[in-house]
């Protein structure tokens, strides 16, 4: 089991650290599809640029009825994804990038909430 510590400071440029001190920036979409573009803030870009253990985690399927919860982990996204500069940095090619992707089957409980089915032992 990997333990994650979620960070609360906006200036650190990452949302979570795991027990190996790997940084994770988490971007979420309520829809069923993984978005193909995400935007990083200047602090997130700096962390991605300077941290050799930086991962982008893109989550989809959070909305009720969106189907399975999906998470794509992309290591070193600044070198693996096409960049588009504006006032911030937009990364494209999320769906096509080499990544680890996990799909979590879900169902809706009687209260209308999403229930993540546990993985088999």
N, C-alpha and C. Protein backbone atom coordinates (compact mmCIF):
# COMPACT_ATOMS: atom_id res chain seq x y z
N UNK A 1 0.84 -1.17 0.00
CA UNK A 1 0.00 0.00 0.00
C UNK A 1 0.89 1.24 0.00
N UNK A 2 0.59 2.18 -0.88
CA UNK A 2 1.33 3.43 -0.95
C UNK A 2 0.53 4.49 -0.19
N UNK A 3 1.21 5.21 0.66
CA UNK A 3 0.56 6.27 1.43
C UNK A 3 0.87 7.61 0.78
N UNK A 4 -0.16 8.47 0.70
CA UNK A 4 -0.01 9.79 0.11
C UNK A 4 -0.28 10.84 1.17
N UNK A 5 0.48 11.92 1.12
CA UNK A 5 0.23 13.07 1.98
C UNK A 5 -0.20 14.20 1.07
N UNK A 6 -1.42 14.71 1.29
CA UNK A 6 -1.93 15.79 0.47
C UNK A 6 -1.44 17.12 1.04
N UNK A 7 -1.01 18.00 0.15
CA UNK A 7 -0.41 19.27 0.54
C UNK A 7 -1.46 20.37 0.48
N UNK A 8 -1.38 21.31 1.42
CA UNK A 8 -2.39 22.36 1.47
C UNK A 8 -1.86 23.71 1.00
N UNK A 9 -0.57 23.86 0.85
CA UNK A 9 0.00 25.14 0.44
C UNK A 9 -0.06 25.30 -1.07
N UNK A 10 -0.57 26.44 -1.53
CA UNK A 10 -0.67 26.68 -2.97
C UNK A 10 0.69 26.96 -3.61
N UNK A 11 1.69 27.28 -2.83
CA UNK A 11 2.98 27.68 -3.40
C UNK A 11 3.92 26.52 -3.66
N UNK A 12 3.55 25.29 -3.28
CA UNK A 12 4.48 24.17 -3.45
C UNK A 12 4.46 23.59 -4.84
N UNK A 13 3.41 23.78 -5.62
CA UNK A 13 3.38 23.30 -7.00
C UNK A 13 3.04 21.84 -7.16
N UNK A 14 2.52 21.20 -6.11
CA UNK A 14 2.07 19.81 -6.19
C UNK A 14 0.95 19.62 -5.18
N UNK A 15 0.07 18.65 -5.47
CA UNK A 15 -1.06 18.39 -4.58
C UNK A 15 -0.76 17.33 -3.53
N UNK A 16 0.17 16.43 -3.84
CA UNK A 16 0.42 15.32 -2.92
C UNK A 16 1.85 14.81 -3.07
N UNK A 17 2.35 14.20 -2.01
CA UNK A 17 3.64 13.51 -1.99
C UNK A 17 3.39 12.11 -1.49
N UNK A 18 4.06 11.12 -2.11
CA UNK A 18 3.94 9.76 -1.59
C UNK A 18 5.11 9.48 -0.65
N UNK A 19 5.16 8.27 -0.12
CA UNK A 19 6.19 7.93 0.86
C UNK A 19 7.60 7.89 0.26
N UNK A 20 7.70 7.90 -1.07
CA UNK A 20 9.00 7.95 -1.74
C UNK A 20 9.38 9.39 -2.11
N UNK A 21 8.59 10.36 -1.64
CA UNK A 21 8.78 11.79 -1.92
C UNK A 21 8.57 12.12 -3.40
N UNK A 22 7.77 11.32 -4.10
CA UNK A 22 7.38 11.64 -5.47
C UNK A 22 6.23 12.65 -5.40
N UNK A 23 6.28 13.66 -6.26
CA UNK A 23 5.27 14.72 -6.28
C UNK A 23 4.18 14.38 -7.29
N UNK A 24 2.93 14.67 -6.93
CA UNK A 24 1.79 14.44 -7.80
C UNK A 24 0.96 15.70 -7.91
N UNK A 25 0.78 16.16 -9.13
CA UNK A 25 -0.18 17.23 -9.39
C UNK A 25 -1.44 16.54 -9.90
N UNK A 26 -2.57 16.78 -9.26
CA UNK A 26 -3.81 16.09 -9.58
C UNK A 26 -4.76 17.05 -10.29
N UNK A 27 -5.18 16.68 -11.50
CA UNK A 27 -6.17 17.43 -12.26
C UNK A 27 -7.38 16.53 -12.46
N UNK A 28 -8.58 17.07 -12.21
CA UNK A 28 -9.79 16.26 -12.21
C UNK A 28 -10.81 16.75 -13.23
N UNK A 29 -11.57 15.78 -13.76
CA UNK A 29 -12.67 16.06 -14.68
C UNK A 29 -13.88 15.28 -14.21
N UNK A 30 -15.02 15.94 -14.16
CA UNK A 30 -16.23 15.25 -13.72
C UNK A 30 -16.79 14.36 -14.82
N UNK A 31 -16.45 14.60 -16.07
CA UNK A 31 -16.95 13.80 -17.18
C UNK A 31 -16.31 12.42 -17.23
N UNK A 32 -16.79 11.61 -18.16
CA UNK A 32 -16.31 10.24 -18.27
C UNK A 32 -14.99 10.13 -19.03
N UNK A 33 -14.66 11.12 -19.85
CA UNK A 33 -13.44 11.08 -20.66
C UNK A 33 -12.30 11.79 -19.95
N UNK A 34 -11.11 11.23 -20.08
CA UNK A 34 -9.90 11.92 -19.63
C UNK A 34 -9.75 13.15 -20.53
N UNK A 35 -9.59 14.35 -19.95
CA UNK A 35 -9.40 15.52 -20.81
C UNK A 35 -8.09 15.40 -21.58
N UNK A 36 -8.04 15.96 -22.77
CA UNK A 36 -6.83 15.87 -23.57
C UNK A 36 -5.88 17.02 -23.30
N UNK A 37 -6.35 18.06 -22.63
CA UNK A 37 -5.50 19.19 -22.26
C UNK A 37 -5.77 19.56 -20.81
N UNK A 38 -4.73 19.96 -20.12
CA UNK A 38 -4.85 20.51 -18.77
C UNK A 38 -3.92 21.72 -18.70
N UNK A 39 -4.16 22.57 -17.73
CA UNK A 39 -3.35 23.77 -17.55
C UNK A 39 -2.64 23.70 -16.21
N UNK A 40 -1.36 24.02 -16.22
CA UNK A 40 -0.58 24.09 -15.00
C UNK A 40 -0.35 25.54 -14.62
N UNK A 41 -0.39 25.82 -13.32
CA UNK A 41 -0.06 27.16 -12.82
C UNK A 41 1.45 27.35 -12.87
N UNK A 42 1.92 28.58 -12.73
CA UNK A 42 3.38 28.80 -12.72
C UNK A 42 4.09 27.98 -11.63
N UNK A 43 3.51 27.86 -10.44
CA UNK A 43 4.14 27.06 -9.39
C UNK A 43 4.20 25.58 -9.76
N UNK A 44 3.16 25.08 -10.41
CA UNK A 44 3.14 23.68 -10.85
C UNK A 44 4.17 23.43 -11.94
N UNK A 45 4.32 24.39 -12.85
CA UNK A 45 5.32 24.27 -13.91
C UNK A 45 6.72 24.23 -13.30
N UNK A 46 6.97 25.12 -12.35
CA UNK A 46 8.29 25.15 -11.70
C UNK A 46 8.58 23.84 -10.98
N UNK A 47 7.60 23.30 -10.28
CA UNK A 47 7.80 22.01 -9.58
C UNK A 47 8.06 20.90 -10.60
N UNK A 48 7.30 20.89 -11.68
CA UNK A 48 7.49 19.86 -12.72
C UNK A 48 8.86 19.99 -13.37
N UNK A 49 9.33 21.21 -13.52
CA UNK A 49 10.62 21.47 -14.16
C UNK A 49 11.79 21.07 -13.27
N UNK A 50 11.66 21.25 -11.95
CA UNK A 50 12.80 21.07 -11.05
C UNK A 50 12.76 19.77 -10.25
N UNK A 51 11.63 19.10 -10.18
CA UNK A 51 11.51 17.88 -9.38
C UNK A 51 11.65 16.66 -10.29
N UNK A 52 12.70 15.86 -10.11
CA UNK A 52 12.89 14.69 -10.99
C UNK A 52 11.86 13.58 -10.76
N UNK A 53 11.08 13.69 -9.70
CA UNK A 53 10.06 12.67 -9.39
C UNK A 53 8.66 13.26 -9.45
N UNK A 54 8.37 14.04 -10.48
CA UNK A 54 7.08 14.72 -10.62
C UNK A 54 6.16 13.92 -11.53
N UNK A 55 4.93 13.71 -11.09
CA UNK A 55 3.90 13.02 -11.87
C UNK A 55 2.69 13.92 -12.03
N UNK A 56 2.07 13.85 -13.19
CA UNK A 56 0.77 14.45 -13.41
C UNK A 56 -0.26 13.33 -13.29
N UNK A 57 -1.25 13.50 -12.43
CA UNK A 57 -2.32 12.52 -12.27
C UNK A 57 -3.60 13.16 -12.78
N UNK A 58 -4.19 12.60 -13.84
CA UNK A 58 -5.41 13.15 -14.43
C UNK A 58 -6.53 12.17 -14.14
N UNK A 59 -7.59 12.67 -13.50
CA UNK A 59 -8.70 11.85 -13.02
C UNK A 59 -9.97 12.19 -13.79
N UNK A 60 -10.73 11.17 -14.20
CA UNK A 60 -12.02 11.38 -14.87
C UNK A 60 -13.03 10.40 -14.29
N UNK A 61 -14.31 10.73 -14.47
CA UNK A 61 -15.39 9.85 -14.02
C UNK A 61 -15.87 10.16 -12.62
N UNK A 62 -15.71 11.38 -12.17
CA UNK A 62 -16.10 11.74 -10.81
C UNK A 62 -17.60 12.04 -10.68
N UNK A 63 -18.24 12.40 -11.77
CA UNK A 63 -19.66 12.77 -11.73
C UNK A 63 -20.53 11.52 -11.73
N UNK A 64 -21.63 11.59 -11.01
CA UNK A 64 -22.59 10.48 -10.98
C UNK A 64 -23.02 10.14 -12.41
N UNK A 65 -23.00 8.87 -12.73
CA UNK A 65 -23.40 8.41 -14.05
C UNK A 65 -22.30 8.50 -15.09
N UNK A 66 -21.11 8.95 -14.70
CA UNK A 66 -20.01 9.10 -15.66
C UNK A 66 -19.32 7.77 -15.94
N UNK A 67 -19.70 6.72 -15.24
CA UNK A 67 -19.08 5.42 -15.48
C UNK A 67 -17.93 5.18 -14.54
N UNK A 68 -16.89 4.54 -15.07
CA UNK A 68 -15.77 4.14 -14.25
C UNK A 68 -14.86 5.32 -13.91
N UNK A 69 -14.32 5.28 -12.72
CA UNK A 69 -13.32 6.25 -12.31
C UNK A 69 -12.00 5.86 -12.98
N UNK A 70 -11.35 6.82 -13.64
CA UNK A 70 -10.10 6.55 -14.36
C UNK A 70 -9.04 7.54 -13.89
N UNK A 71 -7.83 7.04 -13.71
CA UNK A 71 -6.70 7.89 -13.32
C UNK A 71 -5.52 7.57 -14.22
N UNK A 72 -4.96 8.60 -14.88
CA UNK A 72 -3.75 8.44 -15.70
C UNK A 72 -2.60 9.14 -14.98
N UNK A 73 -1.51 8.40 -14.78
CA UNK A 73 -0.31 8.95 -14.16
C UNK A 73 0.74 9.13 -15.25
N UNK A 74 1.17 10.37 -15.45
CA UNK A 74 2.16 10.68 -16.49
C UNK A 74 3.41 11.21 -15.81
N UNK A 75 4.50 10.46 -15.94
CA UNK A 75 5.78 10.87 -15.37
C UNK A 75 6.44 11.91 -16.27
N UNK A 76 7.04 12.92 -15.67
CA UNK A 76 7.78 13.96 -16.39
C UNK A 76 6.94 14.56 -17.53
N UNK A 77 5.77 15.12 -17.20
CA UNK A 77 4.87 15.59 -18.26
C UNK A 77 5.42 16.70 -19.13
N UNK A 78 6.35 17.52 -18.63
CA UNK A 78 6.88 18.60 -19.45
C UNK A 78 7.70 18.09 -20.63
N UNK A 79 8.30 16.92 -20.49
CA UNK A 79 9.07 16.38 -21.61
C UNK A 79 8.25 15.38 -22.44
N UNK A 80 7.13 14.89 -21.94
CA UNK A 80 6.35 13.87 -22.64
C UNK A 80 5.12 14.42 -23.37
N UNK A 81 4.69 15.63 -23.03
CA UNK A 81 3.46 16.18 -23.60
C UNK A 81 3.76 17.45 -24.40
N UNK A 82 3.01 17.67 -25.49
CA UNK A 82 3.19 18.93 -26.22
C UNK A 82 2.75 20.11 -25.36
N UNK A 83 3.46 21.23 -25.46
CA UNK A 83 3.20 22.41 -24.65
C UNK A 83 2.61 23.52 -25.49
N UNK A 84 1.75 24.31 -24.87
CA UNK A 84 1.21 25.53 -25.49
C UNK A 84 1.27 26.63 -24.44
N UNK A 85 2.00 27.68 -24.73
CA UNK A 85 2.19 28.77 -23.77
C UNK A 85 1.17 29.87 -23.99
N UNK A 86 0.57 30.29 -22.89
CA UNK A 86 -0.26 31.49 -22.84
C UNK A 86 0.24 32.23 -21.60
N UNK A 87 -0.65 32.75 -20.77
CA UNK A 87 -0.22 33.28 -19.48
C UNK A 87 0.15 32.15 -18.53
N UNK A 88 -0.33 30.97 -18.83
CA UNK A 88 0.01 29.78 -18.07
C UNK A 88 0.46 28.73 -19.07
N UNK A 89 0.68 27.53 -18.63
CA UNK A 89 1.17 26.47 -19.52
C UNK A 89 0.09 25.43 -19.70
N UNK A 90 -0.27 25.15 -20.94
CA UNK A 90 -1.27 24.13 -21.23
C UNK A 90 -0.56 22.94 -21.85
N UNK A 91 -0.83 21.76 -21.30
CA UNK A 91 -0.25 20.52 -21.80
C UNK A 91 -1.30 19.78 -22.61
N UNK A 92 -0.96 19.32 -23.79
CA UNK A 92 -1.87 18.57 -24.64
C UNK A 92 -1.43 17.12 -24.75
N UNK A 93 -2.24 16.32 -25.44
CA UNK A 93 -1.88 14.93 -25.69
C UNK A 93 -2.02 14.01 -24.50
N UNK A 94 -2.83 14.39 -23.53
CA UNK A 94 -3.00 13.61 -22.31
C UNK A 94 -3.45 12.19 -22.63
N UNK A 95 -4.43 12.04 -23.52
CA UNK A 95 -4.98 10.72 -23.83
C UNK A 95 -4.00 9.82 -24.56
N UNK A 96 -3.04 10.40 -25.30
CA UNK A 96 -2.12 9.62 -26.11
C UNK A 96 -0.75 9.41 -25.46
N UNK A 97 -0.48 10.09 -24.35
CA UNK A 97 0.83 10.01 -23.72
C UNK A 97 1.07 8.66 -23.08
N UNK A 98 2.34 8.25 -23.07
CA UNK A 98 2.70 7.05 -22.32
C UNK A 98 2.39 7.33 -20.86
N UNK A 99 1.61 6.46 -20.25
CA UNK A 99 1.16 6.69 -18.88
C UNK A 99 0.67 5.39 -18.26
N UNK A 100 0.58 5.38 -16.96
CA UNK A 100 -0.13 4.31 -16.26
C UNK A 100 -1.56 4.77 -16.10
N UNK A 101 -2.52 3.93 -16.44
CA UNK A 101 -3.93 4.29 -16.27
C UNK A 101 -4.63 3.20 -15.49
N UNK A 102 -5.36 3.62 -14.49
CA UNK A 102 -6.15 2.70 -13.67
C UNK A 102 -7.61 3.01 -13.87
N UNK A 103 -8.42 1.97 -14.01
CA UNK A 103 -9.87 2.11 -14.16
C UNK A 103 -10.50 1.41 -12.96
N UNK A 104 -11.38 2.14 -12.27
CA UNK A 104 -12.03 1.62 -11.08
C UNK A 104 -13.51 1.43 -11.38
N UNK A 105 -14.00 0.18 -11.42
CA UNK A 105 -15.43 -0.04 -11.64
C UNK A 105 -16.23 0.64 -10.53
N UNK A 106 -17.38 1.19 -10.87
CA UNK A 106 -18.20 1.85 -9.86
C UNK A 106 -19.65 1.50 -10.08
N UNK A 107 -20.42 1.73 -9.06
CA UNK A 107 -21.86 1.54 -9.14
C UNK A 107 -22.51 2.65 -8.33
N UNK A 108 -23.79 2.84 -8.48
CA UNK A 108 -24.52 3.87 -7.77
C UNK A 108 -25.28 3.22 -6.63
N UNK A 109 -25.11 3.76 -5.40
CA UNK A 109 -25.82 3.19 -4.26
C UNK A 109 -27.25 3.72 -4.21
N UNK A 110 -28.02 3.29 -3.26
CA UNK A 110 -29.44 3.65 -3.17
C UNK A 110 -29.64 5.13 -2.90
N UNK A 111 -28.65 5.83 -2.37
CA UNK A 111 -28.75 7.26 -2.12
C UNK A 111 -28.31 8.08 -3.33
N UNK A 112 -27.92 7.42 -4.42
CA UNK A 112 -27.48 8.12 -5.62
C UNK A 112 -26.00 8.43 -5.64
N UNK A 113 -25.26 8.04 -4.60
CA UNK A 113 -23.82 8.29 -4.56
C UNK A 113 -23.05 7.23 -5.33
N UNK A 114 -21.83 7.56 -5.67
CA UNK A 114 -20.99 6.63 -6.41
C UNK A 114 -20.26 5.73 -5.41
N UNK A 115 -20.28 4.45 -5.67
CA UNK A 115 -19.58 3.47 -4.84
C UNK A 115 -18.48 2.86 -5.67
N UNK A 116 -17.26 2.93 -5.17
CA UNK A 116 -16.15 2.28 -5.86
C UNK A 116 -16.08 0.85 -5.40
N UNK A 117 -16.22 -0.07 -6.35
CA UNK A 117 -16.16 -1.48 -6.02
C UNK A 117 -14.73 -1.85 -5.64
N UNK A 118 -14.54 -2.57 -4.54
CA UNK A 118 -13.17 -2.96 -4.18
C UNK A 118 -12.60 -3.91 -5.20
N UNK A 119 -11.28 -3.85 -5.34
CA UNK A 119 -10.60 -4.75 -6.25
C UNK A 119 -10.62 -6.14 -5.64
N UNK A 120 -10.67 -7.20 -6.46
CA UNK A 120 -10.66 -8.56 -5.92
C UNK A 120 -9.35 -8.86 -5.23
N UNK A 121 -9.41 -9.73 -4.22
CA UNK A 121 -8.19 -10.12 -3.47
C UNK A 121 -7.33 -11.01 -4.30
